[in-house]
Amino acid sequence: IMLTETPFRAREKLLEKQRLFQSIQRHTYLKGPMDKVTSVAIPLALAASSLYMIGTGIYNMSNGIGKKE
């Protein structure tokens, strides 16, 4: 007896997605629709906020403000 399991996704849909991803000329980590958010926007936001906090800290230290008594 040979039992076959039904696939999670139809074969036509799988082939269509494969063709789509192979035709895109971007980097592999930017091929999904929401991948720009996770691999570009979030790291840029983290870098910008950390640079702002470092700049604020340097300014406060150089002027002697913001100290805890």
N, C-alpha and C. Protein backbone atom coordinates (compact mmCIF):
# COMPACT_ATOMS: atom_id res chain seq x y z
N ILE A 1 0.86 -1.19 0.00
CA ILE A 1 0.00 0.00 0.00
C ILE A 1 0.90 1.24 0.00
N MET A 2 0.64 2.14 -0.94
CA MET A 2 1.42 3.36 -1.07
C MET A 2 0.52 4.55 -0.77
N LEU A 3 0.79 5.22 0.33
CA LEU A 3 0.01 6.40 0.71
C LEU A 3 0.82 7.65 0.39
N THR A 4 0.18 8.61 -0.24
CA THR A 4 0.87 9.86 -0.55
C THR A 4 0.22 10.98 0.27
N GLU A 5 1.06 11.81 0.79
CA GLU A 5 0.58 12.93 1.58
C GLU A 5 0.31 14.11 0.65
N THR A 6 -0.76 14.85 0.93
CA THR A 6 -1.06 16.01 0.10
C THR A 6 -0.05 17.11 0.41
N PRO A 7 0.43 17.82 -0.60
CA PRO A 7 1.44 18.87 -0.36
C PRO A 7 0.83 20.08 0.33
N PHE A 8 1.68 20.85 0.99
CA PHE A 8 1.22 22.06 1.66
C PHE A 8 0.77 23.11 0.64
N ARG A 9 1.44 23.16 -0.47
CA ARG A 9 1.16 24.16 -1.48
C ARG A 9 1.06 23.45 -2.83
N ALA A 10 0.19 23.94 -3.66
CA ALA A 10 0.02 23.33 -4.98
C ALA A 10 1.31 23.47 -5.79
N ARG A 11 1.60 22.49 -6.60
CA ARG A 11 2.84 22.48 -7.37
C ARG A 11 2.92 23.67 -8.33
N GLU A 12 1.79 24.06 -8.90
CA GLU A 12 1.79 25.20 -9.81
C GLU A 12 2.17 26.49 -9.08
N LYS A 13 1.64 26.65 -7.88
CA LYS A 13 1.98 27.84 -7.10
C LYS A 13 3.46 27.85 -6.74
N LEU A 14 3.99 26.67 -6.39
CA LEU A 14 5.40 26.57 -6.05
C LEU A 14 6.29 26.93 -7.24
N LEU A 15 5.96 26.40 -8.40
CA LEU A 15 6.74 26.72 -9.60
C LEU A 15 6.64 28.20 -9.96
N GLU A 16 5.44 28.78 -9.74
CA GLU A 16 5.25 30.20 -10.03
C GLU A 16 6.12 31.06 -9.09
N LYS A 17 6.15 30.71 -7.80
CA LYS A 17 6.99 31.44 -6.84
C LYS A 17 8.47 31.28 -7.18
N GLN A 18 8.88 30.08 -7.57
CA GLN A 18 10.28 29.86 -7.92
C GLN A 18 10.68 30.72 -9.12
N ARG A 19 9.82 30.77 -10.12
CA ARG A 19 10.11 31.60 -11.29
C ARG A 19 10.21 33.07 -10.90
N LEU A 20 9.31 33.51 -10.02
CA LEU A 20 9.32 34.90 -9.58
C LEU A 20 10.62 35.23 -8.87
N PHE A 21 11.02 34.41 -7.90
CA PHE A 21 12.22 34.70 -7.11
C PHE A 21 13.49 34.56 -7.94
N GLN A 22 13.50 33.69 -8.93
CA GLN A 22 14.69 33.56 -9.76
C GLN A 22 14.82 34.70 -10.76
N SER A 23 13.71 35.37 -11.05
CA SER A 23 13.76 36.46 -12.03
C SER A 23 14.11 37.80 -11.39
N ILE A 24 13.97 37.92 -10.08
CA ILE A 24 14.26 39.18 -9.41
C ILE A 24 15.77 39.40 -9.37
N GLN A 25 16.20 40.62 -9.70
CA GLN A 25 17.63 40.91 -9.80
C GLN A 25 18.20 41.53 -8.54
N ARG A 26 17.49 41.42 -7.42
CA ARG A 26 18.00 41.97 -6.17
C ARG A 26 18.76 40.91 -5.39
N HIS A 27 19.35 41.31 -4.27
CA HIS A 27 20.05 40.37 -3.42
C HIS A 27 19.05 39.37 -2.84
N THR A 28 19.54 38.21 -2.47
CA THR A 28 18.64 37.17 -2.00
C THR A 28 17.95 37.53 -0.70
N TYR A 29 18.57 38.35 0.15
CA TYR A 29 17.93 38.71 1.40
C TYR A 29 16.91 39.83 1.24
N LEU A 30 16.71 40.35 0.05
CA LEU A 30 15.72 41.41 -0.19
C LEU A 30 14.64 40.98 -1.17
N LYS A 31 14.41 39.68 -1.30
CA LYS A 31 13.49 39.24 -2.35
C LYS A 31 12.04 39.21 -1.91
N GLY A 32 11.76 39.10 -0.63
CA GLY A 32 10.38 39.06 -0.17
C GLY A 32 9.76 40.44 -0.15
N PRO A 33 8.45 40.52 -0.03
CA PRO A 33 7.79 41.83 -0.04
C PRO A 33 8.06 42.67 1.21
N MET A 34 8.26 42.02 2.37
CA MET A 34 8.48 42.77 3.60
C MET A 34 9.93 42.70 4.06
N ASP A 35 10.84 42.20 3.25
CA ASP A 35 12.21 42.01 3.68
C ASP A 35 12.99 43.31 3.79
N LYS A 36 12.56 44.35 3.10
CA LYS A 36 13.26 45.62 3.21
C LYS A 36 13.08 46.21 4.60
N VAL A 37 11.93 45.93 5.22
CA VAL A 37 11.68 46.45 6.56
C VAL A 37 12.63 45.81 7.56
N THR A 38 12.76 44.48 7.49
CA THR A 38 13.54 43.79 8.49
C THR A 38 15.03 43.89 8.25
N SER A 39 15.47 44.01 7.02
CA SER A 39 16.92 44.00 6.78
C SER A 39 17.49 45.38 6.46
N VAL A 40 16.65 46.39 6.29
CA VAL A 40 17.17 47.73 6.01
C VAL A 40 16.65 48.75 7.01
N ALA A 41 15.35 48.83 7.18
CA ALA A 41 14.76 49.90 7.99
C ALA A 41 15.06 49.74 9.48
N ILE A 42 14.91 48.54 10.02
CA ILE A 42 15.14 48.34 11.45
C ILE A 42 16.61 48.58 11.82
N PRO A 43 17.59 48.03 11.09
CA PRO A 43 18.98 48.37 11.44
C PRO A 43 19.31 49.85 11.30
N LEU A 44 18.75 50.52 10.31
CA LEU A 44 18.98 51.96 10.18
C LEU A 44 18.39 52.73 11.35
N ALA A 45 17.20 52.32 11.79
CA ALA A 45 16.58 52.99 12.94
C ALA A 45 17.40 52.76 14.21
N LEU A 46 17.89 51.54 14.40
CA LEU A 46 18.72 51.26 15.57
C LEU A 46 20.02 52.06 15.53
N ALA A 47 20.64 52.14 14.37
CA ALA A 47 21.89 52.90 14.24
C ALA A 47 21.65 54.38 14.49
N ALA A 48 20.57 54.93 13.96
CA ALA A 48 20.29 56.35 14.14
C ALA A 48 20.00 56.67 15.61
N SER A 49 19.22 55.82 16.27
CA SER A 49 18.91 56.10 17.67
C SER A 49 20.15 55.96 18.55
N SER A 50 21.01 54.97 18.25
CA SER A 50 22.22 54.83 19.06
C SER A 50 23.17 56.00 18.84
N LEU A 51 23.30 56.48 17.61
CA LEU A 51 24.15 57.65 17.36
C LEU A 51 23.61 58.89 18.05
N TYR A 52 22.29 59.04 18.09
CA TYR A 52 21.68 60.17 18.80
C TYR A 52 21.98 60.09 20.29
N MET A 53 21.84 58.90 20.86
CA MET A 53 22.09 58.74 22.30
C MET A 53 23.56 58.96 22.64
N ILE A 54 24.47 58.48 21.79
CA ILE A 54 25.90 58.71 22.00
C ILE A 54 26.21 60.20 21.92
N GLY A 55 25.66 60.87 20.92
CA GLY A 55 25.87 62.31 20.78
C GLY A 55 25.34 63.09 21.97
N THR A 56 24.16 62.71 22.47
CA THR A 56 23.60 63.37 23.65
C THR A 56 24.48 63.16 24.86
N GLY A 57 24.98 61.93 25.02
CA GLY A 57 25.85 61.64 26.15
C GLY A 57 27.15 62.42 26.10
N ILE A 58 27.75 62.53 24.93
CA ILE A 58 29.00 63.29 24.79
C ILE A 58 28.75 64.77 25.08
N TYR A 59 27.64 65.30 24.58
CA TYR A 59 27.30 66.71 24.83
C TYR A 59 27.10 66.95 26.32
N ASN A 60 26.36 66.05 26.98
CA ASN A 60 26.11 66.22 28.42
C ASN A 60 27.40 66.12 29.22
N MET A 61 28.29 65.20 28.85
CA MET A 61 29.55 65.06 29.58
C MET A 61 30.45 66.27 29.37
N SER A 62 30.48 66.80 28.17
CA SER A 62 31.37 67.92 27.91
C SER A 62 30.87 69.20 28.58
N ASN A 63 29.57 69.33 28.79
CA ASN A 63 29.02 70.52 29.44
C ASN A 63 28.71 70.31 30.91
N GLY A 64 28.85 69.08 31.40
CA GLY A 64 28.62 68.81 32.82
C GLY A 64 27.18 68.88 33.24
N ILE A 65 26.27 68.58 32.32
CA ILE A 65 24.85 68.61 32.67
C ILE A 65 24.29 67.21 32.68
N GLY A 66 23.12 67.06 33.31
CA GLY A 66 22.45 65.77 33.33
C GLY A 66 23.04 64.79 34.31
N LYS A 67 23.81 65.28 35.31
CA LYS A 67 24.42 64.39 36.29
C LYS A 67 23.43 64.05 37.38
N LYS A 68 23.58 62.87 37.95
CA LYS A 68 22.80 62.51 39.11
C LYS A 68 23.56 62.92 40.36
N GLU A 69 22.91 63.59 41.24
CA GLU A 69 23.57 64.08 42.46
C GLU A 69 23.63 63.01 43.51
